[in-house]
């Protein structure tokens, strides 16, 4: 594919250190496939609402879209050509006219417990103070340690680590993918998947484009990692089927082996006392159907009182 008729390719991203590191990974993949693209790529940093309002829980001020809406609007306004998103931060429905056209290979999706003393979740002090703004992580931890105390924690990964080092709380959970992409070595341990499933789409970087911009769609399609793309579609179909928002304590992971895809997922009551899980396996070609069926099964398994509580929740 020739790039002769392209004089610039503008990539929009958040301005946080992790977002910029992830965008560089996308740029690297594009440059490996199209060596001459280096001359036309421009990275545009966009301030998003989620980075402006750091002292309030996201669910109280607009949800996960606060990390994406300004970047998506720049796409719709033709100010950028590609939006780079952490797909775990993308709502189950994206604005009309946009398309997640490609992803790069998924990073390790596991969670990391940042702690100076604990060697695993079970060894956390029963009355330890945990910093988190995630309802999912709170419920998962309370499921194992019901006496834990939680304090609100917002900010980028470096700010969270800084607050931990200052002793504002005893432990917090971070996405290991973020630590790895920033090259950070931290006190703590990786949480294995059989102990805690991650956020759906964790570790996946997506490239969103205008649906009608076929030229850019063709460019990004050349770096698409198909297995990761199928896993993403499966997991996001679950979110859509479940009607999940940032108030829904849901975790899950799809994994591909040859032509089979295996999806594990789990939802929790807000206090972590109750959990409901499902496992579905099928053909990769049916990835979205499998995700949708998983969402339906979780709805059928979960008592109505718990589903209703997600709609009126407050963490603190």
Protein backbone atom coordinates (compact mmCIF):
# COMPACT_ATOMS: atom_id res chain seq x y z
CA UNK A 1 0.00 0.00 0.00
CA UNK A 2 1.34 3.44 -0.98
CA UNK A 3 1.15 6.57 1.17
CA UNK A 4 2.03 9.01 -1.62
CA UNK A 5 -1.19 11.01 -1.34
CA UNK A 6 -1.04 11.47 2.46
CA UNK A 7 0.72 14.61 3.69
CA UNK A 8 -0.13 14.12 7.38
CA UNK A 9 -1.63 11.55 9.69
CA UNK A 10 -2.68 13.04 13.03
CA UNK A 11 -3.00 10.71 16.00
CA UNK A 12 -5.00 11.98 18.98
CA UNK A 13 -4.28 10.85 22.52
CA UNK A 14 -4.59 11.80 26.16
CA UNK A 15 -1.58 13.63 27.56
CA UNK A 16 -0.86 11.30 30.49
CA UNK A 17 2.50 9.46 30.53
CA UNK A 18 0.80 6.10 29.98
CA UNK A 19 -1.37 7.37 27.11
CA UNK A 20 1.70 8.79 25.38
CA UNK A 21 3.63 5.54 25.87
CA UNK A 22 0.72 3.60 24.39
CA UNK A 23 0.49 5.97 21.46
CA UNK A 24 4.19 5.45 20.82
CA UNK A 25 3.55 1.71 20.61
CA UNK A 26 0.98 2.41 17.90
CA UNK A 27 3.40 4.70 16.07
CA UNK A 28 6.08 2.00 16.26
CA UNK A 29 3.74 -0.56 14.69
CA UNK A 30 2.79 1.86 11.90
CA UNK A 31 6.44 2.67 11.20
CA UNK A 32 7.37 -1.02 11.04
CA UNK A 33 4.67 -1.61 8.44
CA UNK A 34 5.04 1.71 6.58
CA UNK A 35 8.62 3.01 7.02
CA UNK A 36 7.86 6.24 5.13
CA UNK A 37 4.93 7.06 7.43
CA UNK A 38 7.36 8.61 9.93
CA UNK A 39 7.42 11.75 7.78
CA UNK A 40 3.66 12.35 8.01
CA UNK A 41 2.72 11.20 11.54
CA UNK A 42 1.84 13.89 14.06
CA UNK A 43 0.81 13.17 17.65
CA UNK A 44 -1.75 15.57 19.08
CA UNK A 45 -2.21 15.65 22.86
CA UNK A 46 -5.80 16.33 23.88
CA UNK A 47 -6.88 17.34 27.38
CA UNK A 48 -9.83 15.20 28.43
CA UNK A 49 -12.37 15.80 31.18
CA UNK A 50 -11.29 12.66 33.05
CA UNK A 51 -7.86 14.24 33.56
CA UNK A 52 -9.28 17.63 34.53
CA UNK A 53 -11.62 16.52 37.32
CA UNK A 54 -9.49 14.26 39.50
CA UNK A 55 -11.16 14.76 42.85
CA UNK A 56 -14.54 13.19 42.10
CA UNK A 57 -15.55 9.61 41.30
CA UNK A 58 -16.03 9.17 37.54
CA UNK A 59 -19.44 7.59 38.01
CA UNK A 60 -20.66 10.87 39.58
CA UNK A 61 -19.47 13.13 36.76
CA UNK A 62 -20.07 11.24 33.53
CA UNK A 63 -18.40 7.83 33.64
CA UNK A 64 -15.64 6.38 31.49
CA UNK A 65 -16.52 8.55 28.49
CA UNK A 66 -14.73 11.42 30.27
CA UNK A 67 -11.49 9.78 29.09
CA UNK A 68 -12.55 9.55 25.45
CA UNK A 69 -15.24 12.04 24.45
CA UNK A 70 -12.97 15.03 23.63
CA UNK A 71 -10.70 12.78 21.54
CA UNK A 72 -13.66 11.23 19.75
CA UNK A 73 -15.08 14.69 19.10
CA UNK A 74 -11.78 15.71 17.53
CA UNK A 75 -12.21 12.75 15.17
CA UNK A 76 -15.74 13.78 14.28
CA UNK A 77 -14.52 17.36 13.70
CA UNK A 78 -11.75 16.08 11.38
CA UNK A 79 -9.05 17.52 13.66
CA UNK A 80 -7.35 14.14 13.99
CA UNK A 81 -7.29 10.98 11.87
CA UNK A 82 -6.82 8.29 14.53
CA UNK A 83 -7.79 8.18 18.21
CA UNK A 84 -5.74 5.93 20.48
CA UNK A 85 -7.73 4.57 23.43
CA UNK A 86 -7.23 2.16 26.30
CA UNK A 87 -10.19 0.00 25.41
CA UNK A 88 -11.03 -0.66 29.06
CA UNK A 89 -11.90 3.06 29.25
CA UNK A 90 -14.26 3.01 26.26
CA UNK A 91 -18.03 2.84 26.83
CA UNK A 92 -19.86 -0.19 25.46
CA UNK A 93 -21.29 2.06 22.73
CA UNK A 94 -19.17 4.60 20.85
CA UNK A 95 -20.39 7.74 19.06
CA UNK A 96 -22.19 7.30 15.76
CA UNK A 97 -19.85 7.61 12.79
CA UNK A 98 -16.83 6.17 14.61
CA UNK A 99 -15.32 2.71 14.42
CA UNK A 100 -12.69 0.84 16.40
CA UNK A 101 -10.86 -0.33 13.30
CA UNK A 102 -7.78 -2.02 14.76
CA UNK A 103 -5.93 -3.01 17.91
CA UNK A 104 -2.32 -3.87 18.62
CA UNK A 105 -1.33 -7.05 20.42
CA UNK A 106 -2.73 -7.31 23.93
CA UNK A 107 -0.42 -6.79 26.87
CA UNK A 108 -0.62 -9.00 29.97
CA UNK A 109 -4.19 -8.34 31.28
CA UNK A 110 -3.55 -9.32 34.89
CA UNK A 111 -3.90 -7.06 37.91
CA UNK A 112 -1.01 -5.97 40.15
CA UNK A 113 -1.38 -5.44 43.88
CA UNK A 114 0.85 -2.60 45.07
CA UNK A 115 1.79 -3.36 48.68
CA UNK A 116 4.86 -3.06 50.90
CA UNK A 117 4.07 -6.09 53.00
CA UNK A 118 1.47 -8.41 51.46
CA UNK A 119 2.60 -11.30 49.27
CA UNK A 120 -0.90 -12.05 48.01
CA UNK A 121 -4.46 -10.85 48.57
CA UNK A 122 -4.99 -13.32 51.39
CA UNK A 123 -2.03 -11.88 53.33
CA UNK A 124 -3.41 -8.34 53.33
CA UNK A 125 -4.25 -7.21 56.85
CA UNK A 126 -7.96 -7.66 57.45
CA UNK A 127 -8.36 -3.97 58.28
CA UNK A 128 -5.98 -2.62 55.63
CA UNK A 129 -6.82 0.64 53.83
CA UNK A 130 -7.12 0.23 50.05
CA UNK A 131 -6.95 3.10 47.59
CA UNK A 132 -9.26 2.61 44.61
CA UNK A 133 -12.01 4.31 42.65
CA UNK A 134 -13.10 1.03 41.03
CA UNK A 135 -16.33 -0.58 42.18
CA UNK A 136 -15.19 -3.83 40.57
CA UNK A 137 -11.89 -3.96 42.43
CA UNK A 138 -13.59 -3.00 45.70
CA UNK A 139 -16.14 -5.79 45.33
CA UNK A 140 -13.51 -8.36 44.34
CA UNK A 141 -11.35 -7.53 47.34
CA UNK A 142 -14.30 -7.44 49.75
CA UNK A 143 -15.33 -10.86 48.47
CA UNK A 144 -12.06 -12.16 49.94
CA UNK A 145 -11.49 -9.64 52.74
CA UNK A 146 -14.83 -8.14 53.89
CA UNK A 147 -13.29 -5.92 56.63
CA UNK A 148 -11.07 -3.88 54.30
CA UNK A 149 -11.48 -0.09 54.28
CA UNK A 150 -11.51 1.85 51.00
CA UNK A 151 -10.56 5.41 50.10
CA UNK A 152 -11.12 7.17 46.77
CA UNK A 153 -8.07 7.17 44.50
CA UNK A 154 -7.95 8.98 41.15
CA UNK A 155 -5.09 10.19 38.96
CA UNK A 156 -2.66 8.64 36.52
CA UNK A 157 -0.56 5.63 37.43
CA UNK A 158 2.44 7.70 38.55
CA UNK A 159 0.27 9.81 40.89
CA UNK A 160 -1.25 6.66 42.39
CA UNK A 161 2.17 5.20 43.08
CA UNK A 162 3.29 8.51 44.59
CA UNK A 163 0.32 8.56 46.97
CA UNK A 164 1.05 4.96 47.93
CA UNK A 165 4.69 5.82 48.67
CA UNK A 166 3.51 8.74 50.84
CA UNK A 167 1.55 6.27 52.96
CA UNK A 168 -1.94 7.54 52.15
CA UNK A 169 -3.18 3.93 52.04
CA UNK A 170 -1.78 0.43 52.55
CA UNK A 171 -2.32 -1.01 49.08
CA UNK A 172 -3.90 -0.43 45.71
CA UNK A 173 -4.51 -2.44 42.54
CA UNK A 174 -3.12 -1.33 39.18
CA UNK A 175 -3.33 -2.80 35.70
CA UNK A 176 -0.03 -4.60 35.16
CA UNK A 177 -0.10 -3.58 31.49
CA UNK A 178 0.30 0.06 32.50
CA UNK A 179 3.30 -0.66 34.71
CA UNK A 180 4.93 -2.72 31.99
CA UNK A 181 4.38 -0.14 29.25
CA UNK A 182 5.92 2.57 31.44
CA UNK A 183 8.80 0.35 32.49
CA UNK A 184 7.94 0.69 36.18
CA UNK A 185 9.11 -1.80 38.78
CA UNK A 186 6.98 -1.56 41.91
CA UNK A 187 6.59 -3.29 45.27
CA UNK A 188 3.89 -5.89 45.08
CA UNK A 189 2.82 -8.91 43.10
CA UNK A 190 0.91 -10.04 40.07
CA UNK A 191 -2.57 -11.38 40.82
CA UNK A 192 -3.20 -14.62 38.95
CA UNK A 193 -6.36 -14.93 36.88
CA UNK A 194 -7.80 -17.70 39.05
CA UNK A 195 -7.69 -15.28 41.99
CA UNK A 196 -8.99 -12.12 40.28
CA UNK A 197 -10.26 -11.57 36.76
CA UNK A 198 -9.40 -8.16 35.28
CA UNK A 199 -11.52 -5.42 33.82
CA UNK A 200 -12.92 -6.38 30.43
CA UNK A 201 -10.62 -5.21 27.59
CA UNK A 202 -7.73 -4.60 30.01
CA UNK A 203 -4.38 -4.49 28.23
CA UNK A 204 -5.87 -3.65 24.83
CA UNK A 205 -5.02 -0.48 22.89
CA UNK A 206 -7.55 0.41 20.21
CA UNK A 207 -7.42 2.65 17.17
CA UNK A 208 -10.68 4.49 16.53
CA UNK A 209 -11.30 6.21 13.18
CA UNK A 210 -14.08 7.80 11.20
CA UNK A 211 -16.23 5.04 9.75
CA UNK A 212 -16.28 6.80 6.37
CA UNK A 213 -12.52 7.37 6.22
CA UNK A 214 -11.69 4.27 4.21
CA UNK A 215 -8.12 5.31 3.53
CA UNK A 216 -7.21 5.52 7.23
CA UNK A 217 -9.19 2.36 7.91
CA UNK A 218 -7.06 0.52 5.37
CA UNK A 219 -3.85 1.88 6.88
CA UNK A 220 -4.65 0.80 10.46
CA UNK A 221 -6.00 -2.56 9.30
CA UNK A 222 -2.43 -3.49 8.32
CA UNK A 223 -1.31 -3.41 11.97
CA UNK A 224 -4.41 -5.04 13.43
CA UNK A 225 -3.72 -7.99 15.74
CA UNK A 226 -6.58 -10.29 14.85
CA UNK A 227 -6.64 -12.49 17.95
CA UNK A 228 -6.69 -9.44 20.21
CA UNK A 229 -9.40 -7.89 18.02
CA UNK A 230 -11.57 -11.01 18.38
CA UNK A 231 -11.02 -11.08 22.15
CA UNK A 232 -12.02 -7.42 22.34
CA UNK A 233 -15.19 -7.95 20.33
CA UNK A 234 -16.15 -10.87 22.56
CA UNK A 235 -15.60 -8.91 25.78
CA UNK A 236 -17.32 -5.76 24.55
CA UNK A 237 -20.31 -7.82 23.37
CA UNK A 238 -20.61 -9.03 26.96
CA UNK A 239 -20.61 -5.43 28.21
CA UNK A 240 -23.30 -4.45 25.73
CA UNK A 241 -25.47 -7.47 26.50
CA UNK A 242 -25.13 -6.88 30.24
CA UNK A 243 -25.92 -3.17 29.83
CA UNK A 244 -22.81 -2.48 31.89
CA UNK A 245 -21.68 0.98 32.95
CA UNK A 246 -18.84 2.13 35.22
CA UNK A 247 -21.25 1.29 38.09
CA UNK A 248 -21.30 -2.40 37.16
CA UNK A 249 -18.82 -4.58 39.09
CA UNK A 250 -18.02 -6.92 36.21
CA UNK A 251 -14.77 -8.65 35.34
CA UNK A 252 -13.83 -11.01 32.56
CA UNK A 253 -11.34 -12.23 30.02
CA UNK A 254 -11.53 -13.90 26.61
CA UNK A 255 -8.62 -16.09 25.51
CA UNK A 256 -8.06 -17.63 22.09
CA UNK A 257 -6.46 -21.02 21.45
CA UNK A 258 -6.27 -21.92 17.77
CA UNK A 259 -9.84 -21.57 16.45
CA UNK A 260 -11.49 -21.66 19.91
CA UNK A 261 -12.28 -18.75 22.22
CA UNK A 262 -12.89 -19.17 25.94
CA UNK A 263 -14.65 -16.43 27.93
CA UNK A 264 -14.72 -16.23 31.72
CA UNK A 265 -16.76 -13.50 33.38
CA UNK A 266 -18.08 -12.60 36.79
CA UNK A 267 -20.28 -9.97 38.42
CA UNK A 268 -20.50 -8.96 42.06
CA UNK A 269 -22.82 -7.36 44.53
CA UNK A 270 -21.51 -3.96 45.60
CA UNK A 271 -20.42 -5.27 49.00
CA UNK A 272 -18.65 -8.23 47.41
CA UNK A 273 -20.65 -10.79 49.37
CA UNK A 274 -22.28 -12.30 46.31
CA UNK A 275 -20.75 -13.19 42.97
CA UNK A 276 -22.07 -14.88 39.84
CA UNK A 277 -19.88 -16.29 37.10
CA UNK A 278 -20.09 -17.93 33.72
CA UNK A 279 -17.72 -19.67 31.34
CA UNK A 280 -18.44 -20.14 27.66
CA UNK A 281 -16.31 -21.65 24.90
CA UNK A 282 -16.88 -21.72 21.17
CA UNK A 283 -15.52 -20.90 17.74
CA UNK A 284 -13.55 -17.68 17.29
CA UNK A 285 -15.88 -16.86 14.41
CA UNK A 286 -18.69 -16.65 17.00
CA UNK A 287 -16.78 -14.35 19.39
CA UNK A 288 -19.41 -11.62 19.57
CA UNK A 289 -22.25 -14.12 19.97
CA UNK A 290 -20.38 -15.82 22.83
CA UNK A 291 -19.89 -12.46 24.57
CA UNK A 292 -23.55 -11.60 24.14
CA UNK A 293 -24.65 -14.97 25.52
CA UNK A 294 -22.37 -14.53 28.54
CA UNK A 295 -24.00 -11.20 29.31
CA UNK A 296 -27.46 -12.74 29.12
CA UNK A 297 -26.44 -15.59 31.41
CA UNK A 298 -25.05 -13.20 34.00
CA UNK A 299 -28.30 -11.21 33.95
CA UNK A 300 -30.28 -14.41 34.48
CA UNK A 301 -28.00 -15.55 37.31
CA UNK A 302 -27.92 -12.24 39.20
CA UNK A 303 -30.81 -11.33 41.53
CA UNK A 304 -32.78 -8.27 40.45
CA UNK A 305 -32.01 -6.47 43.74
CA UNK A 306 -28.29 -6.57 42.92
CA UNK A 307 -28.77 -5.37 39.35
CA UNK A 308 -30.93 -2.52 40.63
CA UNK A 309 -28.31 -1.59 43.23
CA UNK A 310 -25.75 -1.00 40.46
CA UNK A 311 -27.96 1.77 39.09
CA UNK A 312 -28.04 3.79 42.30
CA UNK A 313 -24.59 3.11 43.67
CA UNK A 314 -22.05 5.26 45.47
CA UNK A 315 -18.70 3.84 46.58
CA UNK A 316 -18.20 6.12 49.61
